[in-house]
C-alpha cells in the first residue's frame, strides 16, 4: 500500500522540511510515500504560483526517495504550473537511477557560503552574524550510484564538505 500524506505548507522550503521530518519519523519506506503537496485554492495560504515553486516541490519529493508526487486535482492550472512540473520531471529523468537505484551518499554535505560575516559587540555580549543564514533554507541531498555522486539542491553558492573528490 501507498501513503499519501497531505503536506500542505505555504512555501516549498516548508514543504521540504515537513516531508523530511515525516520521513525521518516513520518506519515506512520513503518509496511508499506519494505526498499531496498543494491544496490548490488561491485563497488558501498553500497555493503555488510560480514554475520554480512546482520545480522545487517535484525535485525535493524525488530526491527524498518518495515513490511519486501528487497535486490537488482541483488546482487552477496555468502554463507556469505545467512548466514547473514538466521541468522538475525532465530534470529527474536525467538522474532518476540515482534516486531509484542509488543510495544516500555518506560523508557528503553542502554548506552555504555566507556573503558577509561579522562580529557585533553588545556590551558584555558578542554576536557572530553570518548573512545570509543558510540553515533555514539550504536543503540538499547526496546520492551515489554506480561509483558516481549526485548533489541535488538549490542553485546557490555552496561547497561540498567532507569528500575528497
C-alpha atoms as a PDB file:
ATOM      1  CA  UNK A   1       0.000   0.000   0.000  1.00  0.00           C
ATOM      2  CA  UNK A   2       0.979   3.604  -0.620  1.00  0.00           C
ATOM      3  CA  UNK A   3       0.595   6.509   1.782  1.00  0.00           C
ATOM      4  CA  UNK A   4      -0.497   9.910   0.524  1.00  0.00           C
ATOM      5  CA  UNK A   5       0.137  12.339   3.356  1.00  0.00           C
ATOM      6  CA  UNK A   6      -1.278  15.818   2.822  1.00  0.00           C
ATOM      7  CA  UNK A   7       1.739  18.019   3.447  1.00  0.00           C
ATOM      8  CA  UNK A   8       0.322  21.480   2.863  1.00  0.00           C
ATOM      9  CA  UNK A   9       2.856  24.189   3.589  1.00  0.00           C
ATOM     10  CA  UNK A  10       2.946  27.822   2.462  1.00  0.00           C
ATOM     11  CA  UNK A  11       6.363  27.514   0.789  1.00  0.00           C
ATOM     12  CA  UNK A  12       8.425  24.870  -0.969  1.00  0.00           C
ATOM     13  CA  UNK A  13      11.027  25.083   1.814  1.00  0.00           C
ATOM     14  CA  UNK A  14       8.311  24.486   4.420  1.00  0.00           C
ATOM     15  CA  UNK A  15       7.035  21.537   2.392  1.00  0.00           C
ATOM     16  CA  UNK A  16      10.569  20.106   2.089  1.00  0.00           C
ATOM     17  CA  UNK A  17      11.230  20.399   5.818  1.00  0.00           C
ATOM     18  CA  UNK A  18       7.860  18.809   6.691  1.00  0.00           C
ATOM     19  CA  UNK A  19       8.404  15.975   4.207  1.00  0.00           C
ATOM     20  CA  UNK A  20      11.888  15.220   5.545  1.00  0.00           C
ATOM     21  CA  UNK A  21      10.642  15.317   9.144  1.00  0.00           C
ATOM     22  CA  UNK A  22       7.779  12.959   8.258  1.00  0.00           C
ATOM     23  CA  UNK A  23      10.131  10.510   6.549  1.00  0.00           C
ATOM     24  CA  UNK A  24      12.631  10.637   9.426  1.00  0.00           C
ATOM     25  CA  UNK A  25       9.962   9.777  11.990  1.00  0.00           C
ATOM     26  CA  UNK A  26       8.372   6.725  10.400  1.00  0.00           C
ATOM     27  CA  UNK A  27       9.358   3.146   9.698  1.00  0.00           C
ATOM     28  CA  UNK A  28       7.502   3.215   6.370  1.00  0.00           C
ATOM     29  CA  UNK A  29       9.976   3.221   3.440  1.00  0.00           C
ATOM     30  CA  UNK A  30      10.093   6.537   1.582  1.00  0.00           C
ATOM     31  CA  UNK A  31       9.208   4.895  -1.742  1.00  0.00           C
ATOM     32  CA  UNK A  32       5.786   4.085  -0.241  1.00  0.00           C
ATOM     33  CA  UNK A  33       5.067   7.815   0.203  1.00  0.00           C
ATOM     34  CA  UNK A  34       3.201   9.730  -2.511  1.00  0.00           C
ATOM     35  CA  UNK A  35       2.775  13.128  -0.856  1.00  0.00           C
ATOM     36  CA  UNK A  36       0.000  15.500  -1.839  1.00  0.00           C
ATOM     37  CA  UNK A  37       1.720  18.848  -1.648  1.00  0.00           C
ATOM     38  CA  UNK A  38      -0.600  21.667  -2.647  1.00  0.00           C
ATOM     39  CA  UNK A  39      -4.178  22.358  -1.748  1.00  0.00           C
ATOM     40  CA  UNK A  40      -4.620  24.353  -4.935  1.00  0.00           C
ATOM     41  CA  UNK A  41      -7.091  27.016  -3.879  1.00  0.00           C
ATOM     42  CA  UNK A  42      -5.796  30.503  -4.410  1.00  0.00           C
ATOM     43  CA  UNK A  43      -7.488  31.814  -1.251  1.00  0.00           C
ATOM     44  CA  UNK A  44      -5.548  29.345   0.904  1.00  0.00           C
ATOM     45  CA  UNK A  45      -2.045  30.149   2.054  1.00  0.00           C
ATOM     46  CA  UNK A  46      -0.569  26.995   0.497  1.00  0.00           C
ATOM     47  CA  UNK A  47      -1.131  27.800  -3.157  1.00  0.00           C
ATOM     48  CA  UNK A  48       1.846  27.637  -5.536  1.00  0.00           C
ATOM     49  CA  UNK A  49       2.070  30.320  -8.216  1.00  0.00           C
ATOM     50  CA  UNK A  50       5.403  30.004  -9.993  1.00  0.00           C
ATOM     51  CA  UNK A  51       7.206  27.362 -12.033  1.00  0.00           C
ATOM     52  CA  UNK A  52      10.097  27.497  -9.557  1.00  0.00           C
ATOM     53  CA  UNK A  53       7.823  26.511  -6.671  1.00  0.00           C
ATOM     54  CA  UNK A  54       6.500  23.468  -8.540  1.00  0.00           C
ATOM     55  CA  UNK A  55      10.004  22.615  -9.731  1.00  0.00           C
ATOM     56  CA  UNK A  56      11.356  22.616  -6.175  1.00  0.00           C
ATOM     57  CA  UNK A  57       8.405  20.615  -4.801  1.00  0.00           C
ATOM     58  CA  UNK A  58       8.865  17.998  -7.519  1.00  0.00           C
ATOM     59  CA  UNK A  59      12.655  17.725  -7.172  1.00  0.00           C
ATOM     60  CA  UNK A  60      12.586  17.533  -3.350  1.00  0.00           C
ATOM     61  CA  UNK A  61       9.984  14.767  -3.460  1.00  0.00           C
ATOM     62  CA  UNK A  62      12.086  12.683  -5.855  1.00  0.00           C
ATOM     63  CA  UNK A  63      15.395  13.347  -4.085  1.00  0.00           C
ATOM     64  CA  UNK A  64      13.828  12.352  -0.754  1.00  0.00           C
ATOM     65  CA  UNK A  65      13.085   8.948  -2.308  1.00  0.00           C
ATOM     66  CA  UNK A  66       9.301   9.188  -2.494  1.00  0.00           C
ATOM     67  CA  UNK A  67       7.508   6.858  -4.890  1.00  0.00           C
ATOM     68  CA  UNK A  68       5.509   9.598  -6.578  1.00  0.00           C
ATOM     69  CA  UNK A  69       4.087  13.064  -6.134  1.00  0.00           C
ATOM     70  CA  UNK A  70       0.543  14.361  -6.199  1.00  0.00           C
ATOM     71  CA  UNK A  71      -1.013  17.777  -6.662  1.00  0.00           C
ATOM     72  CA  UNK A  72      -4.540  18.546  -5.544  1.00  0.00           C
ATOM     73  CA  UNK A  73      -6.705  17.891  -8.611  1.00  0.00           C
ATOM     74  CA  UNK A  74      -8.872  20.996  -8.407  1.00  0.00           C
ATOM     75  CA  UNK A  75      -5.948  23.264  -8.944  1.00  0.00           C
ATOM     76  CA  UNK A  76      -6.340  26.259 -11.278  1.00  0.00           C
ATOM     77  CA  UNK A  77      -3.535  25.170 -13.570  1.00  0.00           C
ATOM     78  CA  UNK A  78      -1.834  27.684 -15.805  1.00  0.00           C
ATOM     79  CA  UNK A  79       1.135  27.417 -18.142  1.00  0.00           C
ATOM     80  CA  UNK A  80       3.546  28.321 -15.334  1.00  0.00           C
ATOM     81  CA  UNK A  81       2.301  25.415 -13.205  1.00  0.00           C
ATOM     82  CA  UNK A  82       2.627  22.911 -16.025  1.00  0.00           C
ATOM     83  CA  UNK A  83       6.088  24.228 -16.926  1.00  0.00           C
ATOM     84  CA  UNK A  84       7.312  23.842 -13.338  1.00  0.00           C
ATOM     85  CA  UNK A  85       6.026  20.277 -13.056  1.00  0.00           C
ATOM     86  CA  UNK A  86       7.406  19.396 -16.518  1.00  0.00           C
ATOM     87  CA  UNK A  87      10.803  20.938 -15.760  1.00  0.00           C
ATOM     88  CA  UNK A  88      11.014  19.016 -12.479  1.00  0.00           C
ATOM     89  CA  UNK A  89      10.161  15.722 -14.173  1.00  0.00           C
ATOM     90  CA  UNK A  90      12.623  16.435 -17.004  1.00  0.00           C
ATOM     91  CA  UNK A  91      15.429  17.041 -14.516  1.00  0.00           C
ATOM     92  CA  UNK A  92      14.540  13.912 -12.563  1.00  0.00           C
ATOM     93  CA  UNK A  93      14.554  11.826 -15.763  1.00  0.00           C
ATOM     94  CA  UNK A  94      18.223  12.694 -16.372  1.00  0.00           C
ATOM     95  CA  UNK A  95      19.298  11.267 -12.997  1.00  0.00           C
ATOM     96  CA  UNK A  96      16.461   9.009 -11.891  1.00  0.00           C
ATOM     97  CA  UNK A  97      18.754   5.989 -11.427  1.00  0.00           C
ATOM     98  CA  UNK A  98      20.431   7.870  -8.551  1.00  0.00           C
ATOM     99  CA  UNK A  99      17.066   8.354  -6.833  1.00  0.00           C
ATOM    100  CA  UNK A 100      15.559   4.938  -7.637  1.00  0.00           C
ATOM    101  CA  UNK A 101      18.533   2.568  -7.608  1.00  0.00           C
ATOM    102  CA  UNK A 102      21.204   4.552  -5.760  1.00  0.00           C
ATOM    103  CA  UNK A 103      21.806   5.137  -2.086  1.00  0.00           C
ATOM    104  CA  UNK A 104      22.218   8.118   0.190  1.00  0.00           C
ATOM    105  CA  UNK A 105      25.858   9.202  -0.078  1.00  0.00           C
ATOM    106  CA  UNK A 106      27.746   9.193   3.204  1.00  0.00           C
ATOM    107  CA  UNK A 107      30.299  11.862   4.043  1.00  0.00           C
ATOM    108  CA  UNK A 108      28.998  14.478   1.613  1.00  0.00           C
ATOM    109  CA  UNK A 109      27.365  17.661   2.852  1.00  0.00           C
ATOM    110  CA  UNK A 110      26.533  21.020   1.347  1.00  0.00           C
ATOM    111  CA  UNK A 111      27.286  24.101   3.368  1.00  0.00           C
ATOM    112  CA  UNK A 112      26.091  27.569   2.409  1.00  0.00           C
ATOM    113  CA  UNK A 113      28.759  30.197   1.927  1.00  0.00           C
ATOM    114  CA  UNK A 114      27.762  33.485   3.590  1.00  0.00           C
ATOM    115  CA  UNK A 115      28.130  36.729   1.717  1.00  0.00           C
ATOM    116  CA  UNK A 116      29.037  38.585   4.893  1.00  0.00           C
ATOM    117  CA  UNK A 117      30.304  37.593   8.306  1.00  0.00           C
ATOM    118  CA  UNK A 118      30.820  39.989  11.182  1.00  0.00           C
ATOM    119  CA  UNK A 119      31.181  40.092  14.935  1.00  0.00           C
ATOM    120  CA  UNK A 120      28.915  42.504  16.762  1.00  0.00           C
ATOM    121  CA  UNK A 121      29.720  43.604  20.303  1.00  0.00           C
ATOM    122  CA  UNK A 122      26.746  44.432  22.513  1.00  0.00           C
ATOM    123  CA  UNK A 123      28.005  45.436  25.938  1.00  0.00           C
ATOM    124  CA  UNK A 124      29.300  42.234  27.541  1.00  0.00           C
ATOM    125  CA  UNK A 125      27.926  40.039  24.744  1.00  0.00           C
ATOM    126  CA  UNK A 126      29.355  39.233  21.354  1.00  0.00           C
ATOM    127  CA  UNK A 127      27.234  38.062  18.444  1.00  0.00           C
ATOM    128  CA  UNK A 128      28.667  36.341  15.392  1.00  0.00           C
ATOM    129  CA  UNK A 129      26.431  37.033  12.420  1.00  0.00           C
ATOM    130  CA  UNK A 130      26.535  35.407   9.009  1.00  0.00           C
ATOM    131  CA  UNK A 131      24.354  36.667   6.207  1.00  0.00           C
ATOM    132  CA  UNK A 132      22.502  35.051   4.739  1.00  0.00           C
ATOM    133  CA  UNK A 133      21.776  32.373   7.324  1.00  0.00           C
ATOM    134  CA  UNK A 134      21.563  29.330   5.043  1.00  0.00           C
ATOM    135  CA  UNK A 135      20.451  26.916   7.788  1.00  0.00           C
ATOM    136  CA  UNK A 136      16.800  27.869   7.314  1.00  0.00           C
ATOM    137  CA  UNK A 137      16.663  27.443   3.542  1.00  0.00           C
ATOM    138  CA  UNK A 138      19.520  25.321   2.185  1.00  0.00           C
ATOM    139  CA  UNK A 139      18.169  21.829   1.607  1.00  0.00           C
ATOM    140  CA  UNK A 140      20.321  19.366  -0.281  1.00  0.00           C
ATOM    141  CA  UNK A 141      20.589  15.661  -0.988  1.00  0.00           C
ATOM    142  CA  UNK A 142      23.588  13.493  -1.857  1.00  0.00           C
ATOM    143  CA  UNK A 143      23.195  10.181  -3.681  1.00  0.00           C
ATOM    144  CA  UNK A 144      25.618   7.571  -5.018  1.00  0.00           C
ATOM    145  CA  UNK A 145      25.060   5.241  -7.930  1.00  0.00           C
ATOM    146  CA  UNK A 146      27.483   3.137  -9.952  1.00  0.00           C
ATOM    147  CA  UNK A 147      30.551   4.864  -8.478  1.00  0.00           C
ATOM    148  CA  UNK A 148      29.278   8.410  -9.103  1.00  0.00           C
ATOM    149  CA  UNK A 149      27.841  11.020  -6.765  1.00  0.00           C
ATOM    150  CA  UNK A 150      24.922  13.375  -7.323  1.00  0.00           C
ATOM    151  CA  UNK A 151      24.174  16.510  -5.300  1.00  0.00           C
ATOM    152  CA  UNK A 152      20.627  17.840  -5.563  1.00  0.00           C
ATOM    153  CA  UNK A 153      19.925  21.292  -4.207  1.00  0.00           C
ATOM    154  CA  UNK A 154      19.120  24.901  -4.959  1.00  0.00           C
ATOM    155  CA  UNK A 155      21.102  26.983  -7.409  1.00  0.00           C
ATOM    156  CA  UNK A 156      23.091  28.813  -4.762  1.00  0.00           C
ATOM    157  CA  UNK A 157      26.770  29.303  -3.961  1.00  0.00           C
ATOM    158  CA  UNK A 158      27.682  26.200  -1.979  1.00  0.00           C
ATOM    159  CA  UNK A 159      30.657  23.917  -1.463  1.00  0.00           C
ATOM    160  CA  UNK A 160      30.901  20.185  -0.921  1.00  0.00           C
ATOM    161  CA  UNK A 161      32.335  19.389   2.513  1.00  0.00           C
ATOM    162  CA  UNK A 162      33.885  16.165   3.775  1.00  0.00           C
ATOM    163  CA  UNK A 163      34.522  14.408   0.485  1.00  0.00           C
ATOM    164  CA  UNK A 164      37.833  14.021  -1.340  1.00  0.00           C
ATOM    165  CA  UNK A 165      36.526  14.288  -4.917  1.00  0.00           C
END
